[in-house]
Amino acid sequence: MALRPLLILMCVYLGLTLSGLHAMAALLSDFIELWGLNNTEAGWLNSSQYFAYVAAVPIIALSDRIDAKRLMLVGTIFNIFGYLGFALLADGLWSGVAFRILQGVGFALTYMPGVKAITDRVTPAQRGRATSIYISSFATTTSFSLIVGGMIADAYSWREAFYLPALTNAIAGILILTALPSVAPEPTRGPRRALLDFRDELRDPTIRGYVIAATMHTVELLAVRGWTVVFLIVASERWDWLDQTTIYAIATFLILIGMPCSMIGGEIGHRRGFAYASMMAMLFSAIACAFVGFAIAWPLWVFIGLVLMHNIFVLADSGALNGGAAESAPNERRGATVTLMAFANALGSLIGPVLFGFVLDMAGGRQEPVAWGLAFFTISVCVMIGVFALKTGMRSASAVRR
């Protein structure tokens, strides 16, 4: 299959499977009121699907032994039951968490196995750029889940907002079953290692740096995505300038601007080095993140400027991080490297929203500007840890080559 139709197919598939990913973020303030949640509990409801993502990630290592297409099909089935069950049966924190966990397994078996499906079907020279484009489309495909989920909930109820992703995942499964050619995994050179043996990857300073950086990037990304709507609602109460539908539209726009930024970051990485592009994007994102929460108490133009700056850079490193990891991995262990990156994404996704909500609670709650400032500042520190890890990994790798 040629590169262009393959990428179109995979990006459409990704959009269909992720159509409900940020519906929870859009409706989080509603669930806080409806189910009487505190900020930490809201963080758990938002990130519980990523708990399952962490647990399900080792399954992705099977893509070194079977076609990743099979995992993607299983993932759509989990998504169908997760979203449909949430729409029909969720009535409180723990029932909601249960169905969010099913959604998390579905996310784990659809998103990152898509990377392996692509790299198995393109030439080595195309892998970095192809992976970067696929990962970059994440922003566009997920942005519509926020505004569509919010608008359906406003027009009907929150339950109807979760029926749509169940339907689109069924379509995605049919599409990938019929349109994606099957391939056999490349044979392993030498003796076959244990499926979850990641010692070689973790000993590689370059891959290790990318894995740690990806974890911290996702801590930031999911904290921001999970709390942006609530953040904007609190800000709108301070300035009395936004209604709920406008907030959904702004939050969608903030996610959408991430796609071109991620693609630009990936293209810079392709030309200047993926590690360089990742570190620069993370550095600028961390700077904006350190101040954006405090800006809720500052003049409106400063608030708007920092929110825009943060959301421009928060995804600019995504394509570069995954492209760099894919390019660094040996052919026979690409599945293991993809699994480690998926684990990094899962762990960061689990930590980010809960950590953010916990700091909000500890610092005084959603109505305290300093609480938002400290929550965002905490996330900024995490991003800088990722920058340091990637810089250290590249320096170590360079010293080894000498």
Protein backbone atom coordinates (compact mmCIF):
# COMPACT_ATOMS: atom_id res chain seq x y z
CA MET A 1 0.00 0.00 0.00
CA ALA A 2 1.42 3.41 -1.00
CA LEU A 3 2.35 5.88 1.75
CA ARG A 4 -0.29 8.54 1.08
CA PRO A 5 -3.39 6.29 1.02
CA LEU A 6 -2.00 4.41 4.03
CA LEU A 7 -1.69 7.63 6.06
CA ILE A 8 -5.15 8.81 4.97
CA LEU A 9 -6.64 5.47 6.00
CA MET A 10 -4.85 5.43 9.35
CA CYS A 11 -5.71 9.04 10.20
CA VAL A 12 -9.39 8.47 9.37
CA TYR A 13 -9.34 5.32 11.49
CA LEU A 14 -7.72 7.27 14.33
CA GLY A 15 -10.36 9.99 14.14
CA LEU A 16 -13.19 7.47 14.29
CA THR A 17 -11.73 5.65 17.30
CA LEU A 18 -10.98 8.88 19.22
CA SER A 19 -14.33 10.59 18.61
CA GLY A 20 -15.22 10.34 22.30
CA LEU A 21 -11.82 10.81 23.91
CA HIS A 22 -12.38 14.36 25.19
CA ALA A 23 -16.13 14.16 25.75
CA MET A 24 -15.39 13.66 29.45
CA ALA A 25 -13.23 16.79 29.52
CA ALA A 26 -16.07 18.78 27.94
CA LEU A 27 -18.56 17.54 30.53
CA LEU A 28 -16.32 17.30 33.60
CA SER A 29 -17.84 20.34 35.32
CA ASP A 30 -21.30 18.80 34.79
CA PHE A 31 -20.23 15.50 36.36
CA ILE A 32 -18.66 17.36 39.31
CA GLU A 33 -22.08 18.85 40.06
CA LEU A 34 -24.20 15.85 39.03
CA TRP A 35 -22.27 13.24 41.03
CA GLY A 36 -20.98 15.51 43.83
CA LEU A 37 -17.27 15.04 43.07
CA ASN A 38 -14.31 16.89 44.53
CA ASN A 39 -11.41 17.88 42.27
CA THR A 40 -9.35 14.77 43.02
CA GLU A 41 -12.34 12.48 42.30
CA ALA A 42 -12.99 14.43 39.10
CA GLY A 43 -9.37 13.85 38.16
CA TRP A 44 -9.80 10.11 38.71
CA LEU A 45 -12.97 10.01 36.62
CA ASN A 46 -11.16 11.85 33.85
CA SER A 47 -7.99 9.75 33.95
CA SER A 48 -9.34 6.33 34.95
CA GLN A 49 -9.37 5.22 31.33
CA TYR A 50 -5.60 5.75 31.34
CA PHE A 51 -5.24 3.42 34.32
CA ALA A 52 -6.50 0.68 32.02
CA TYR A 53 -4.25 2.08 29.30
CA VAL A 54 -1.24 1.45 31.56
CA ALA A 55 -2.39 -2.10 32.29
CA ALA A 56 -3.18 -2.91 28.66
CA VAL A 57 -0.01 -1.46 27.16
CA PRO A 58 2.04 -4.70 27.49
CA ILE A 59 -0.37 -6.31 25.05
CA ILE A 60 1.00 -3.94 22.38
CA ALA A 61 4.29 -5.87 22.55
CA LEU A 62 2.44 -8.67 20.74
CA SER A 63 2.73 -6.54 17.61
CA ASP A 64 6.29 -7.86 17.25
CA ARG A 65 4.76 -11.32 16.76
CA ILE A 66 1.34 -10.70 15.19
CA ASP A 67 -0.02 -8.09 12.79
CA ALA A 68 -0.88 -4.90 14.70
CA LYS A 69 -4.11 -4.82 12.69
CA ARG A 70 -5.51 -7.55 14.94
CA LEU A 71 -4.91 -5.49 18.07
CA MET A 72 -6.56 -2.48 16.46
CA LEU A 73 -9.69 -4.51 15.73
CA VAL A 74 -9.89 -5.77 19.32
CA GLY A 75 -9.43 -2.19 20.53
CA THR A 76 -12.47 -0.97 18.61
CA ILE A 77 -14.57 -3.70 20.28
CA PHE A 78 -13.49 -2.55 23.76
CA ASN A 79 -14.30 1.04 22.80
CA ILE A 80 -17.79 0.09 21.61
CA PHE A 81 -18.62 -1.60 24.92
CA GLY A 82 -16.92 1.13 26.97
CA TYR A 83 -18.76 4.06 25.42
CA LEU A 84 -22.10 2.28 25.02
CA GLY A 85 -21.98 0.98 28.60
CA PHE A 86 -21.15 4.45 29.95
CA ALA A 87 -24.07 5.95 28.03
CA LEU A 88 -26.53 3.32 29.22
CA LEU A 89 -25.45 2.39 32.75
CA ALA A 90 -23.11 4.91 34.40
CA ASP A 91 -24.77 6.59 37.40
CA GLY A 92 -21.91 7.63 39.71
CA LEU A 93 -18.16 7.79 40.19
CA TRP A 94 -17.40 4.07 40.37
CA SER A 95 -19.72 2.89 37.62
CA GLY A 96 -18.34 5.70 35.49
CA VAL A 97 -14.79 4.63 36.27
CA ALA A 98 -15.59 1.02 35.32
CA PHE A 99 -16.71 1.94 31.82
CA ARG A 100 -13.90 4.48 31.46
CA ILE A 101 -11.52 1.58 32.11
CA LEU A 102 -13.00 -0.33 29.15
CA GLN A 103 -12.49 2.81 27.05
CA GLY A 104 -8.88 2.89 28.24
CA VAL A 105 -8.22 -0.65 27.03
CA GLY A 106 -9.74 0.32 23.69
CA PHE A 107 -7.55 3.42 23.48
CA ALA A 108 -4.44 1.37 24.27
CA LEU A 109 -5.17 -1.15 21.52
CA THR A 110 -6.10 1.37 18.82
CA TYR A 111 -3.83 4.42 19.10
CA MET A 112 -0.23 3.21 19.48
CA PRO A 113 -0.67 -0.08 17.57
CA GLY A 114 -1.49 2.23 14.68
CA VAL A 115 2.13 3.40 14.82
CA LYS A 116 3.33 -0.20 14.50
CA ALA A 117 0.85 -0.86 11.68
CA ILE A 118 2.29 2.08 9.76
CA THR A 119 5.98 1.31 10.37
CA ASP A 120 5.42 -2.31 9.26
CA ARG A 121 4.09 -1.05 5.93
CA VAL A 122 6.58 1.68 4.96
CA THR A 123 10.30 1.81 4.23
CA PRO A 124 12.81 2.58 7.00
CA ALA A 125 13.44 6.05 5.52
CA GLN A 126 9.71 6.86 5.73
CA ARG A 127 9.11 5.70 9.29
CA GLY A 128 10.01 8.85 11.23
CA ARG A 129 7.97 11.23 9.07
CA ALA A 130 5.01 8.83 8.67
CA THR A 131 4.83 8.30 12.43
CA SER A 132 5.04 12.04 13.03
CA ILE A 133 2.12 12.74 10.65
CA TYR A 134 -0.05 10.04 12.23
CA ILE A 135 0.68 11.24 15.78
CA SER A 136 0.14 14.88 14.75
CA SER A 137 -3.37 14.09 13.48
CA PHE A 138 -4.26 13.18 17.07
CA ALA A 139 -4.98 16.86 17.82
CA THR A 140 -7.49 17.27 15.00
CA THR A 141 -9.22 13.96 15.56
CA THR A 142 -9.65 14.54 19.29
CA SER A 143 -10.59 18.23 19.14
CA PHE A 144 -13.96 17.49 17.60
CA SER A 145 -14.74 14.99 20.36
CA LEU A 146 -14.77 17.91 22.80
CA ILE A 147 -17.09 20.29 20.96
CA VAL A 148 -19.34 17.55 19.58
CA GLY A 149 -19.66 15.90 22.99
CA GLY A 150 -20.48 19.23 24.64
CA MET A 151 -23.02 20.26 22.01
CA ILE A 152 -24.80 16.89 22.02
CA ALA A 153 -25.01 17.04 25.82
CA ASP A 154 -26.43 20.58 25.66
CA ALA A 155 -28.99 19.61 23.03
CA TYR A 156 -30.03 16.29 24.57
CA SER A 157 -28.22 14.91 27.63
CA TRP A 158 -24.77 13.71 28.62
CA ARG A 159 -25.74 10.09 27.90
CA GLU A 160 -26.38 10.83 24.21
CA ALA A 161 -22.86 12.32 23.97
CA PHE A 162 -21.39 8.84 24.53
CA TYR A 163 -23.53 6.98 21.99
CA LEU A 164 -21.72 8.59 19.03
CA PRO A 165 -18.21 7.20 19.77
CA ALA A 166 -19.67 3.71 20.13
CA LEU A 167 -21.01 4.03 16.57
CA THR A 168 -17.84 5.54 15.09
CA ASN A 169 -15.69 2.80 16.62
CA ALA A 170 -17.86 0.20 14.92
CA ILE A 171 -17.28 2.00 11.61
CA ALA A 172 -13.52 2.17 12.33
CA GLY A 173 -13.37 -1.56 12.93
CA ILE A 174 -15.12 -2.31 9.64
CA LEU A 175 -12.85 0.14 7.80
CA ILE A 176 -9.59 -1.30 9.09
CA LEU A 177 -10.80 -4.88 8.57
CA THR A 178 -11.65 -4.31 4.92
CA ALA A 179 -9.16 -1.64 3.75
CA LEU A 180 -5.86 -2.29 5.57
CA PRO A 181 -3.81 -5.10 3.98
CA SER A 182 -2.49 -7.69 6.42
CA VAL A 183 1.26 -8.12 6.85
CA ALA A 184 3.43 -10.60 8.71
CA PRO A 185 5.82 -9.18 11.35
CA GLU A 186 9.49 -9.14 10.42
CA PRO A 187 11.37 -12.22 11.69
CA THR A 188 13.48 -11.69 14.78
CA ARG A 189 17.24 -11.87 14.38
CA GLY A 190 18.87 -14.30 16.77
CA PRO A 191 17.10 -15.99 19.69
CA ARG A 192 13.64 -14.70 20.50
CA ARG A 193 13.49 -12.71 23.74
CA ALA A 194 10.65 -12.65 26.25
CA LEU A 195 7.70 -10.62 25.03
CA LEU A 196 8.02 -7.96 27.76
CA ASP A 197 11.80 -7.88 27.93
CA PHE A 198 12.65 -4.19 27.52
CA ARG A 199 16.17 -4.29 28.93
CA ASP A 200 17.88 -3.47 25.65
CA GLU A 201 15.55 -0.53 25.01
CA LEU A 202 15.97 0.87 28.52
CA ARG A 203 19.74 0.47 28.30
CA ASP A 204 19.73 2.55 25.13
CA PRO A 205 20.16 6.16 26.39
CA THR A 206 18.42 7.64 23.36
CA ILE A 207 15.27 5.53 23.67
CA ARG A 208 15.30 5.92 27.47
CA GLY A 209 15.41 9.70 27.08
CA TYR A 210 12.50 9.67 24.64
CA VAL A 211 10.45 7.45 26.97
CA ILE A 212 10.92 9.71 30.01
CA ALA A 213 10.31 12.84 27.95
CA ALA A 214 7.15 11.32 26.46
CA THR A 215 5.87 10.51 29.95
CA MET A 216 6.28 14.09 31.11
CA HIS A 217 4.86 15.47 27.87
CA THR A 218 1.72 13.40 28.38
CA VAL A 219 1.44 14.42 32.05
CA GLU A 220 1.19 17.97 30.77
CA LEU A 221 -1.01 17.27 27.75
CA LEU A 222 -3.68 15.28 29.58
CA ALA A 223 -3.70 17.59 32.59
CA VAL A 224 -4.32 20.50 30.25
CA ARG A 225 -6.87 18.68 28.09
CA GLY A 226 -8.69 17.30 31.12
CA TRP A 227 -9.03 20.64 32.93
CA THR A 228 -9.15 23.27 30.14
CA VAL A 229 -12.96 23.49 29.99
CA VAL A 230 -13.25 23.84 33.79
CA PHE A 231 -10.41 26.39 33.74
CA LEU A 232 -12.19 28.45 31.08
CA ILE A 233 -15.51 28.23 32.95
CA VAL A 234 -13.87 29.65 36.10
CA ALA A 235 -12.14 32.34 34.01
CA SER A 236 -15.43 33.26 32.32
CA GLU A 237 -17.04 33.75 35.72
CA ARG A 238 -14.29 36.22 36.62
CA TRP A 239 -14.67 38.30 33.44
CA ASP A 240 -18.28 37.36 32.58
CA TRP A 241 -17.49 37.07 28.87
CA LEU A 242 -18.22 33.51 27.72
CA ASP A 243 -21.19 31.18 27.51
CA GLN A 244 -20.90 27.37 27.66
CA THR A 245 -21.07 26.78 23.90
CA THR A 246 -18.37 29.38 23.28
CA ILE A 247 -16.18 27.70 25.88
CA TYR A 248 -16.52 24.37 24.03
CA ALA A 249 -15.59 26.13 20.77
CA ILE A 250 -12.53 27.81 22.31
CA ALA A 251 -11.36 24.57 23.90
CA THR A 252 -11.75 22.85 20.53
CA PHE A 253 -9.76 25.60 18.82
CA LEU A 254 -7.00 25.26 21.44
CA ILE A 255 -6.73 21.55 20.63
CA LEU A 256 -6.93 22.15 16.87
CA ILE A 257 -3.98 24.53 16.80
CA GLY A 258 -1.94 21.67 18.22
CA MET A 259 -2.08 19.73 14.93
CA PRO A 260 -0.13 22.14 12.72
CA CYS A 261 2.22 22.81 15.62
CA SER A 262 2.84 19.08 16.08
CA MET A 263 3.38 18.60 12.35
CA ILE A 264 5.77 21.58 12.23
CA GLY A 265 7.61 20.16 15.23
CA GLY A 266 7.84 16.79 13.51
CA GLU A 267 9.08 18.36 10.27
CA ILE A 268 11.70 20.39 12.15
CA GLY A 269 12.70 17.16 13.85
CA HIS A 270 13.03 15.44 10.46
CA ARG A 271 15.39 18.18 9.27
CA ARG A 272 17.20 19.34 12.43
CA GLY A 273 16.91 16.29 14.68
CA PHE A 274 13.90 14.95 16.57
CA ALA A 275 15.54 15.42 20.00
CA TYR A 276 16.34 19.08 19.29
CA ALA A 277 12.77 19.81 18.13
CA SER A 278 11.30 18.00 21.15
CA MET A 279 13.44 19.81 23.70
CA MET A 280 12.77 23.27 22.26
CA ALA A 281 9.02 22.72 22.14
CA MET A 282 8.96 21.33 25.69
CA LEU A 283 11.02 24.24 26.99
CA PHE A 284 8.68 26.89 25.58
CA SER A 285 5.64 24.91 26.73
CA ALA A 286 7.04 24.65 30.26
CA ILE A 287 7.63 28.41 30.40
CA ALA A 288 4.05 29.19 29.37
CA CYS A 289 2.66 26.50 31.68
CA ALA A 290 4.50 27.99 34.68
CA PHE A 291 2.57 31.27 34.34
CA VAL A 292 -0.75 30.49 32.64
CA GLY A 293 -2.56 29.39 35.81
CA PHE A 294 -1.61 32.54 37.72
CA ALA A 295 -2.84 34.60 34.74
CA ILE A 296 -6.45 33.88 35.70
CA ALA A 297 -6.01 36.78 38.16
CA TRP A 298 -4.15 39.01 35.69
CA PRO A 299 -5.46 41.29 32.90
CA LEU A 300 -7.52 39.54 30.25
CA TRP A 301 -5.08 40.18 27.39
CA VAL A 302 -2.24 38.55 29.37
CA PHE A 303 -4.47 35.56 30.15
CA ILE A 304 -5.42 35.10 26.49
CA GLY A 305 -1.81 35.44 25.33
CA LEU A 306 -0.47 32.86 27.76
CA VAL A 307 -3.29 30.39 27.05
CA LEU A 308 -2.57 30.65 23.32
CA MET A 309 1.20 30.34 23.79
CA HIS A 310 0.81 27.29 26.01
CA ASN A 311 -1.54 25.50 23.66
CA ILE A 312 0.67 26.26 20.65
CA PHE A 313 3.64 24.51 22.24
CA VAL A 314 1.95 21.79 24.33
CA LEU A 315 1.62 19.51 21.28
CA ALA A 316 4.56 20.77 19.24
CA ASP A 317 6.79 18.06 20.71
CA SER A 318 4.37 15.15 20.20
CA GLY A 319 5.22 14.20 16.63
CA ALA A 320 8.93 14.79 17.20
CA LEU A 321 9.06 12.59 20.31
CA ASN A 322 7.33 9.64 18.66
CA GLY A 323 9.15 10.15 15.36
CA GLY A 324 12.50 10.18 17.16
CA ALA A 325 11.71 7.02 19.11
CA ALA A 326 10.51 5.22 15.96
CA GLU A 327 13.62 6.26 14.06
CA SER A 328 15.93 5.13 16.88
CA ALA A 329 14.45 1.64 17.23
CA PRO A 330 16.00 -1.40 15.48
CA ASN A 331 13.68 -3.13 13.02
CA GLU A 332 13.10 -6.29 15.04
CA ARG A 333 12.28 -4.36 18.24
CA ARG A 334 10.04 -1.61 16.91
CA GLY A 335 7.06 -3.20 18.64
CA ALA A 336 8.88 -3.17 21.98
CA THR A 337 9.85 0.49 21.51
CA VAL A 338 6.29 1.42 20.52
CA THR A 339 5.11 -0.44 23.63
CA LEU A 340 7.45 1.55 25.85
CA MET A 341 6.29 4.81 24.28
CA ALA A 342 2.69 3.71 24.73
CA PHE A 343 3.43 2.92 28.38
CA ALA A 344 4.97 6.40 28.73
CA ASN A 345 1.84 7.96 27.22
CA ALA A 346 -0.41 5.86 29.44
CA LEU A 347 1.46 6.58 32.64
CA GLY A 348 1.56 10.31 31.92
CA SER A 349 -2.13 10.29 30.99
CA LEU A 350 -2.99 8.65 34.29
CA ILE A 351 -0.85 10.97 36.42
CA GLY A 352 -1.61 14.31 34.76
CA PRO A 353 -5.33 14.94 35.47
CA VAL A 354 -5.16 13.41 38.98
CA LEU A 355 -2.05 15.37 39.95
CA PHE A 356 -3.62 18.57 38.66
CA GLY A 357 -6.87 17.99 40.57
CA PHE A 358 -4.97 17.03 43.74
CA VAL A 359 -2.95 20.28 43.67
CA LEU A 360 -6.16 22.24 43.07
CA ASP A 361 -7.71 20.67 46.17
CA MET A 362 -4.61 21.18 48.33
CA ALA A 363 -4.21 24.82 47.26
CA GLY A 364 -7.78 25.92 47.99
CA GLY A 365 -10.06 24.72 45.20
CA ARG A 366 -11.28 25.87 41.81
CA GLN A 367 -12.26 29.38 42.90
CA GLU A 368 -8.76 30.30 44.11
CA PRO A 369 -6.51 31.82 41.40
CA VAL A 370 -3.37 30.74 43.26
CA ALA A 371 -4.62 27.13 43.18
CA TRP A 372 -4.74 27.21 39.37
CA GLY A 373 -1.31 28.82 39.33
CA LEU A 374 0.25 26.14 41.52
CA ALA A 375 -1.47 23.32 39.60
CA PHE A 376 -0.11 24.52 36.27
CA PHE A 377 3.31 25.28 37.81
CA THR A 378 3.52 21.70 39.12
CA ILE A 379 2.90 20.43 35.60
CA SER A 380 5.58 22.79 34.28
CA VAL A 381 8.13 21.22 36.63
CA CYS A 382 7.23 17.79 35.21
CA VAL A 383 7.88 19.04 31.67
CA MET A 384 11.31 20.34 32.64
CA ILE A 385 12.15 16.90 34.05
CA GLY A 386 11.38 15.52 30.58
CA VAL A 387 13.65 18.09 28.91
CA PHE A 388 16.50 17.19 31.27
CA ALA A 389 16.00 13.44 30.69
CA LEU A 390 16.05 13.78 26.90
CA LYS A 391 19.08 16.07 26.97
CA THR A 392 20.92 13.64 29.26
CA GLY A 393 19.99 10.67 27.08
CA MET A 394 21.24 12.31 23.91
CA ARG A 395 24.46 13.39 25.61
CA SER A 396 25.06 9.84 26.89
CA ALA A 397 24.37 8.38 23.45
CA SER A 398 26.79 10.83 21.88
CA ALA A 399 29.49 9.89 24.40
CA VAL A 400 28.98 6.16 23.66
CA ARG A 401 29.36 6.76 19.91
CA ARG A 402 32.68 8.51 20.51
